[in-house]
Amino acid sequence: MLASLVVGAGEVGVMRSLAALVGGNDADARFVVWQLRLPRTLVGLVVGASLAVAGALLQVISRNPLAEPGLLGVSAGSAFAVAVMLSLGATVLELRIGVAQLGALLGCACVLGVTRVRGLGNDPIRLVLAGAAFSSLLAALTSLLLLIDRRAADEIRFWVVGSLAGRRLDDLLAVMPSVALAGLVLVMVARPMASLALGERASAGLGHHPGRLRLLAVIIVALLVGGATAIAGPIAFVGLVVPFMARAIGGPELRRTLLLCLPLGPLLVLSADVISRRLVAPSELPLGVLTALVGAPVLIMVVRARRLPSL
């Protein structure tokens, strides 16, 4: 967080930023730190935690270590829904958030539903293939929107790459109610939801309702991913890399994984955001590009493993 507040691509360097943090009189530095970088940092905290927790939940309900919002069509569904609203002229952020969450819900439901029709939901490769196909289809439709509507093309193109630049506190405040609701519900059902990692029969044998738990988990994922996508655009691989790191540190137990995702998700997103500011300074590299560069090797490493880790 400190690095995110003091490191930037512009003329306000580390020393001027530190002086502004402790009450310096440099008006330009104070504006950059408190009005530009602080909202960006807070948005990064929420987006990182939301995507990491959503990825961990998806992996548990599908019992698949490769499940991730960007790979299972959740982010793509959310992004396409927002792109449609932008092309229709929508400017109200609250409307965009609701549409993004609905798109995330439909995207997740479609991919999980297709793979579970014949009982293939636990096959990691089939699940990823279905998610990749669905994501590619929605990405193509989004590109079609860019060609059709030149008026909204610049706004859609800037938003669809995934970035924290230019985000305001108003954006964060608009998305916080749905994120807080998802977090509250998750705290209440985290213990029974952990039983899904044992399979539906074992979960039912422990007195839980696997179908209801899975539906509730999908709704939580939609709220988290939809909210994160509405304010930062689609940011890939955070939901894959962070749960992978959390399980490596704390083991496979869901509640421990979720707790570790809360600091590790923001750590990854903010670190990538700070690096993106310096790689091509004075310009900035889109955050979604950098997370993909980090996440793709991790996905390849997991897929190439002799035996995929089980959940």
Protein backbone atom coordinates (compact mmCIF):
# COMPACT_ATOMS: atom_id res chain seq x y z
CA MET A 1 0.00 0.00 0.00
CA LEU A 2 2.83 2.40 0.81
CA ALA A 3 4.52 1.67 -2.51
CA SER A 4 1.22 2.21 -4.31
CA LEU A 5 0.91 5.63 -2.67
CA VAL A 6 4.44 6.88 -3.34
CA VAL A 7 5.43 5.25 -6.66
CA GLY A 8 4.01 6.61 -9.90
CA ALA A 9 4.68 7.16 -13.57
CA GLY A 10 4.54 10.97 -13.44
CA GLU A 11 6.76 13.71 -12.10
CA VAL A 12 5.77 13.28 -8.45
CA GLY A 13 8.45 10.92 -7.21
CA VAL A 14 8.93 8.95 -4.02
CA MET A 15 10.39 11.72 -1.86
CA ARG A 16 7.74 14.28 -2.80
CA SER A 17 5.04 11.67 -2.20
CA LEU A 18 6.41 10.77 1.24
CA ALA A 19 6.51 14.45 2.16
CA ALA A 20 2.87 14.81 1.07
CA LEU A 21 1.90 11.82 3.22
CA VAL A 22 3.34 13.42 6.36
CA GLY A 23 1.71 16.80 5.73
CA GLY A 24 3.99 18.61 3.29
CA ASN A 25 2.92 21.82 1.58
CA ASP A 26 3.50 20.67 -2.00
CA ALA A 27 0.02 21.11 -3.49
CA ASP A 28 0.72 19.07 -6.62
CA ALA A 29 2.12 16.15 -4.61
CA ARG A 30 -0.77 16.25 -2.15
CA PHE A 31 -3.29 16.15 -5.01
CA VAL A 32 -1.55 13.21 -6.70
CA VAL A 33 -1.21 11.17 -3.49
CA TRP A 34 -4.55 11.85 -1.85
CA GLN A 35 -6.84 12.38 -4.84
CA LEU A 36 -5.35 10.01 -7.42
CA ARG A 37 -3.25 7.31 -5.79
CA LEU A 38 -5.22 6.74 -2.58
CA PRO A 39 -8.53 5.89 -4.36
CA ARG A 40 -6.58 3.72 -6.80
CA THR A 41 -4.94 1.87 -3.91
CA LEU A 42 -8.22 1.28 -2.07
CA VAL A 43 -9.87 0.02 -5.27
CA GLY A 44 -6.91 -2.34 -5.73
CA LEU A 45 -7.43 -3.73 -2.22
CA VAL A 46 -11.09 -4.52 -2.84
CA VAL A 47 -10.56 -5.86 -6.37
CA GLY A 48 -7.68 -8.11 -5.32
CA ALA A 49 -9.52 -9.57 -2.34
CA SER A 50 -12.76 -10.05 -4.31
CA LEU A 51 -11.13 -11.87 -7.24
CA ALA A 52 -8.99 -14.04 -4.97
CA VAL A 53 -11.93 -15.13 -2.80
CA ALA A 54 -14.09 -15.73 -5.88
CA GLY A 55 -11.39 -17.93 -7.40
CA ALA A 56 -11.07 -19.98 -4.23
CA LEU A 57 -14.85 -20.50 -4.09
CA LEU A 58 -15.03 -21.55 -7.74
CA GLN A 59 -12.29 -24.09 -7.21
CA VAL A 60 -14.09 -25.59 -4.24
CA ILE A 61 -17.57 -25.85 -5.75
CA SER A 62 -16.18 -27.40 -8.93
CA ARG A 63 -13.49 -29.42 -7.09
CA ASN A 64 -11.15 -28.18 -9.79
CA PRO A 65 -7.80 -26.42 -9.13
CA LEU A 66 -7.95 -24.77 -12.57
CA ALA A 67 -11.25 -22.98 -11.97
CA GLU A 68 -10.85 -19.21 -12.12
CA PRO A 69 -13.20 -16.31 -12.97
CA GLY A 70 -11.22 -15.45 -16.10
CA LEU A 71 -11.09 -19.06 -17.30
CA LEU A 72 -14.70 -20.04 -16.58
CA GLY A 73 -16.45 -17.23 -18.40
CA VAL A 74 -17.35 -15.28 -15.25
CA SER A 75 -15.19 -12.24 -16.04
CA ALA A 76 -16.01 -12.49 -19.75
CA GLY A 77 -19.75 -12.54 -19.06
CA SER A 78 -19.43 -9.56 -16.76
CA ALA A 79 -17.24 -7.65 -19.22
CA PHE A 80 -19.56 -8.31 -22.16
CA ALA A 81 -22.62 -7.19 -20.18
CA VAL A 82 -20.92 -3.91 -19.23
CA ALA A 83 -19.70 -3.39 -22.82
CA VAL A 84 -23.28 -3.74 -24.03
CA MET A 85 -24.47 -1.17 -21.50
CA LEU A 86 -21.67 1.25 -22.45
CA SER A 87 -22.56 0.89 -26.12
CA LEU A 88 -26.18 1.70 -25.22
CA GLY A 89 -25.03 4.90 -23.56
CA ALA A 90 -25.26 3.90 -19.89
CA THR A 91 -23.31 6.25 -17.64
CA VAL A 92 -24.71 5.46 -14.18
CA LEU A 93 -22.15 3.40 -12.26
CA GLU A 94 -24.77 1.64 -10.11
CA LEU A 95 -26.48 0.38 -13.26
CA ARG A 96 -23.16 -0.85 -14.60
CA ILE A 97 -22.46 -2.75 -11.36
CA GLY A 98 -25.81 -4.55 -11.43
CA VAL A 99 -25.40 -5.48 -15.08
CA ALA A 100 -21.85 -6.71 -14.48
CA GLN A 101 -23.00 -8.94 -11.63
CA LEU A 102 -25.85 -10.33 -13.71
CA GLY A 103 -23.43 -11.06 -16.56
CA ALA A 104 -21.03 -12.78 -14.18
CA LEU A 105 -23.86 -14.93 -12.78
CA LEU A 106 -25.03 -15.98 -16.23
CA GLY A 107 -21.51 -16.68 -17.45
CA CYS A 108 -20.67 -18.88 -14.46
CA ALA A 109 -24.01 -20.69 -14.64
CA CYS A 110 -23.61 -21.41 -18.36
CA VAL A 111 -20.13 -22.93 -18.08
CA LEU A 112 -20.86 -24.97 -14.95
CA GLY A 113 -24.20 -26.07 -16.36
CA VAL A 114 -22.73 -27.25 -19.67
CA THR A 115 -20.01 -29.32 -18.00
CA ARG A 116 -22.38 -30.86 -15.46
CA VAL A 117 -25.01 -32.02 -17.97
CA ARG A 118 -23.22 -35.32 -18.35
CA GLY A 119 -21.51 -35.33 -15.00
CA LEU A 120 -18.29 -33.81 -16.34
CA GLY A 121 -18.07 -30.92 -13.89
CA ASN A 122 -15.13 -32.44 -12.01
CA ASP A 123 -13.01 -32.93 -15.13
CA PRO A 124 -10.44 -30.06 -15.01
CA ILE A 125 -9.63 -30.09 -18.71
CA ARG A 126 -13.25 -30.17 -19.90
CA LEU A 127 -14.19 -27.38 -17.51
CA VAL A 128 -11.34 -25.16 -18.72
CA LEU A 129 -12.12 -25.95 -22.36
CA ALA A 130 -15.78 -25.00 -21.88
CA GLY A 131 -14.80 -21.80 -20.07
CA ALA A 132 -12.22 -20.89 -22.72
CA ALA A 133 -14.75 -21.43 -25.52
CA PHE A 134 -17.40 -19.36 -23.76
CA SER A 135 -14.89 -16.60 -22.92
CA SER A 136 -13.64 -16.50 -26.51
CA LEU A 137 -17.19 -16.20 -27.81
CA LEU A 138 -17.98 -13.28 -25.51
CA ALA A 139 -14.62 -11.62 -26.31
CA ALA A 140 -15.48 -11.85 -30.02
CA LEU A 141 -18.90 -10.29 -29.39
CA THR A 142 -17.25 -7.50 -27.39
CA SER A 143 -14.86 -6.85 -30.30
CA LEU A 144 -17.87 -6.72 -32.60
CA LEU A 145 -19.35 -3.99 -30.41
CA LEU A 146 -16.13 -2.00 -30.82
CA LEU A 147 -16.48 -2.17 -34.60
CA ILE A 148 -20.18 -1.34 -34.68
CA ASP A 149 -20.26 1.53 -32.19
CA ARG A 150 -17.32 3.84 -32.83
CA ARG A 151 -18.75 6.42 -30.42
CA ALA A 152 -18.36 4.11 -27.41
CA ALA A 153 -15.32 2.27 -28.76
CA ASP A 154 -12.71 4.33 -26.90
CA GLU A 155 -14.47 3.97 -23.54
CA ILE A 156 -15.04 0.24 -24.00
CA ARG A 157 -11.47 -0.33 -25.20
CA PHE A 158 -9.99 1.55 -22.22
CA TRP A 159 -12.18 -0.33 -19.77
CA VAL A 160 -11.97 -3.85 -21.20
CA VAL A 161 -8.18 -4.22 -20.77
CA GLY A 162 -8.45 -4.02 -16.97
CA SER A 163 -6.88 -1.15 -15.06
CA LEU A 164 -6.99 0.76 -11.77
CA ALA A 165 -6.02 4.07 -13.36
CA GLY A 166 -8.45 6.94 -12.93
CA ARG A 167 -10.66 5.14 -10.42
CA ARG A 168 -12.39 7.30 -7.81
CA LEU A 169 -13.67 6.80 -4.28
CA ASP A 170 -17.22 7.16 -5.63
CA ASP A 171 -16.63 4.06 -7.77
CA LEU A 172 -15.52 2.10 -4.71
CA LEU A 173 -18.40 3.31 -2.54
CA ALA A 174 -20.89 2.29 -5.23
CA VAL A 175 -19.65 -1.30 -5.30
CA MET A 176 -19.04 -1.78 -1.57
CA PRO A 177 -22.63 -2.71 -0.57
CA SER A 178 -22.73 -5.75 -2.86
CA VAL A 179 -19.18 -6.79 -1.94
CA ALA A 180 -19.95 -6.43 1.77
CA LEU A 181 -23.16 -8.46 1.37
CA ALA A 182 -21.23 -11.23 -0.40
CA GLY A 183 -18.61 -11.22 2.35
CA LEU A 184 -21.21 -11.37 5.12
CA VAL A 185 -23.02 -14.30 3.52
CA LEU A 186 -19.73 -16.09 2.92
CA VAL A 187 -18.75 -15.76 6.59
CA MET A 188 -22.06 -17.35 7.56
CA VAL A 189 -21.78 -20.33 5.18
CA ALA A 190 -18.01 -20.86 4.96
CA ARG A 191 -18.05 -23.85 7.29
CA PRO A 192 -20.74 -25.91 5.49
CA MET A 193 -19.37 -24.80 2.11
CA ALA A 194 -16.02 -26.37 2.98
CA SER A 195 -17.75 -29.76 2.87
CA LEU A 196 -18.21 -29.41 -0.91
CA ALA A 197 -14.51 -30.18 -1.31
CA LEU A 198 -15.32 -33.70 -0.09
CA GLY A 199 -17.95 -34.25 -2.79
CA GLU A 200 -21.73 -33.99 -2.88
CA ARG A 201 -22.38 -37.32 -1.16
CA ALA A 202 -20.05 -36.54 1.71
CA SER A 203 -21.51 -33.06 2.06
CA ALA A 204 -25.06 -34.45 2.14
CA GLY A 205 -23.96 -37.09 4.63
CA LEU A 206 -22.80 -34.30 6.94
CA GLY A 207 -26.30 -32.81 6.88
CA HIS A 208 -25.77 -30.07 4.31
CA HIS A 209 -27.56 -29.32 1.04
CA PRO A 210 -24.91 -29.37 -1.74
CA GLY A 211 -27.22 -27.91 -4.37
CA ARG A 212 -28.15 -24.93 -2.24
CA LEU A 213 -24.56 -24.37 -1.18
CA ARG A 214 -23.35 -24.46 -4.80
CA LEU A 215 -26.05 -22.00 -5.89
CA LEU A 216 -25.18 -19.69 -3.01
CA ALA A 217 -21.50 -19.89 -3.90
CA VAL A 218 -22.23 -18.98 -7.54
CA ILE A 219 -24.24 -15.94 -6.38
CA ILE A 220 -21.39 -14.85 -4.08
CA VAL A 221 -18.90 -15.24 -6.94
CA ALA A 222 -21.15 -13.19 -9.23
CA LEU A 223 -21.41 -10.38 -6.69
CA LEU A 224 -17.65 -10.29 -6.09
CA VAL A 225 -16.49 -10.66 -9.70
CA GLY A 226 -19.23 -8.43 -11.08
CA GLY A 227 -18.37 -5.68 -8.64
CA ALA A 228 -14.63 -5.96 -9.29
CA THR A 229 -15.13 -6.00 -13.06
CA ALA A 230 -17.50 -3.03 -12.98
CA ILE A 231 -14.89 -0.75 -11.41
CA ALA A 232 -11.60 -2.17 -12.75
CA GLY A 233 -12.46 -4.15 -15.87
CA PRO A 234 -11.64 -7.83 -16.38
CA ILE A 235 -8.38 -8.73 -14.61
CA ALA A 236 -7.33 -12.29 -15.37
CA PHE A 237 -5.53 -14.96 -13.36
CA VAL A 238 -5.74 -13.33 -9.91
CA GLY A 239 -8.39 -15.90 -8.97
CA LEU A 240 -6.08 -18.71 -10.09
CA VAL A 241 -2.69 -17.60 -8.74
CA VAL A 242 -3.77 -16.39 -5.29
CA PRO A 243 -5.74 -19.51 -4.15
CA PHE A 244 -2.86 -21.62 -5.48
CA MET A 245 -0.45 -19.65 -3.26
CA ALA A 246 -2.86 -19.74 -0.30
CA ARG A 247 -3.19 -23.54 -0.42
CA ALA A 248 0.59 -23.88 -0.73
CA ILE A 249 0.97 -21.86 2.47
CA GLY A 250 -1.98 -22.99 4.58
CA GLY A 251 -3.19 -26.28 3.14
CA PRO A 252 -6.46 -27.17 1.40
CA GLU A 253 -8.94 -26.24 4.15
CA LEU A 254 -11.36 -23.68 2.68
CA ARG A 255 -11.64 -21.26 5.58
CA ARG A 256 -7.86 -21.02 5.94
CA THR A 257 -7.56 -20.51 2.18
CA LEU A 258 -10.14 -17.72 2.21
CA LEU A 259 -8.39 -15.95 5.08
CA LEU A 260 -5.07 -16.08 3.27
CA CYS A 261 -6.69 -14.81 0.06
CA LEU A 262 -7.65 -11.57 1.81
CA PRO A 263 -4.05 -10.27 2.10
CA LEU A 264 -2.54 -12.19 -0.83
CA GLY A 265 -5.07 -10.94 -3.40
CA PRO A 266 -4.45 -7.23 -2.73
CA LEU A 267 -0.72 -7.95 -2.47
CA LEU A 268 -0.65 -9.38 -6.00
CA VAL A 269 -2.90 -6.70 -7.55
CA LEU A 270 -1.17 -3.73 -5.93
CA SER A 271 2.31 -5.11 -6.67
CA ALA A 272 1.38 -5.62 -10.31
CA ASP A 273 -0.15 -2.14 -10.44
CA VAL A 274 3.01 -0.53 -9.05
CA ILE A 275 5.16 -2.41 -11.56
CA SER A 276 2.82 -1.44 -14.40
CA ARG A 277 3.43 2.24 -13.60
CA ARG A 278 7.21 1.94 -13.90
CA LEU A 279 7.73 -0.48 -16.79
CA VAL A 280 6.87 2.00 -19.53
CA ALA A 281 7.03 5.31 -17.61
CA PRO A 282 5.85 8.01 -18.13
CA SER A 283 3.04 5.90 -19.65
CA GLU A 284 1.37 2.97 -17.88
CA LEU A 285 0.98 -0.67 -18.84
CA PRO A 286 -2.61 -1.94 -18.36
CA LEU A 287 -2.90 -3.99 -15.18
CA GLY A 288 -4.78 -6.80 -16.94
CA VAL A 289 -1.84 -7.31 -19.30
CA LEU A 290 0.65 -7.66 -16.45
CA THR A 291 -1.46 -10.10 -14.41
CA ALA A 292 -1.87 -12.24 -17.53
CA LEU A 293 1.92 -12.28 -17.98
CA VAL A 294 2.27 -13.50 -14.37
CA GLY A 295 -0.70 -15.89 -14.35
CA ALA A 296 -0.18 -17.68 -17.66
CA PRO A 297 3.08 -19.40 -16.57
CA VAL A 298 1.39 -20.52 -13.34
CA LEU A 299 -1.49 -22.06 -15.31
CA ILE A 300 0.97 -23.83 -17.63
CA MET A 301 2.88 -25.14 -14.62
CA VAL A 302 -0.30 -26.54 -13.03
CA VAL A 303 -1.51 -28.12 -16.27
CA ARG A 304 1.88 -29.72 -16.95
CA ALA A 305 2.02 -31.27 -13.48
CA ARG A 306 1.98 -35.05 -13.55
CA ARG A 307 -1.04 -35.13 -11.30
CA LEU A 308 -3.38 -32.19 -10.91
CA PRO A 309 -3.83 -31.25 -7.24
CA SER A 310 -7.17 -32.37 -5.86
CA LEU A 311 -9.52 -30.35 -3.71
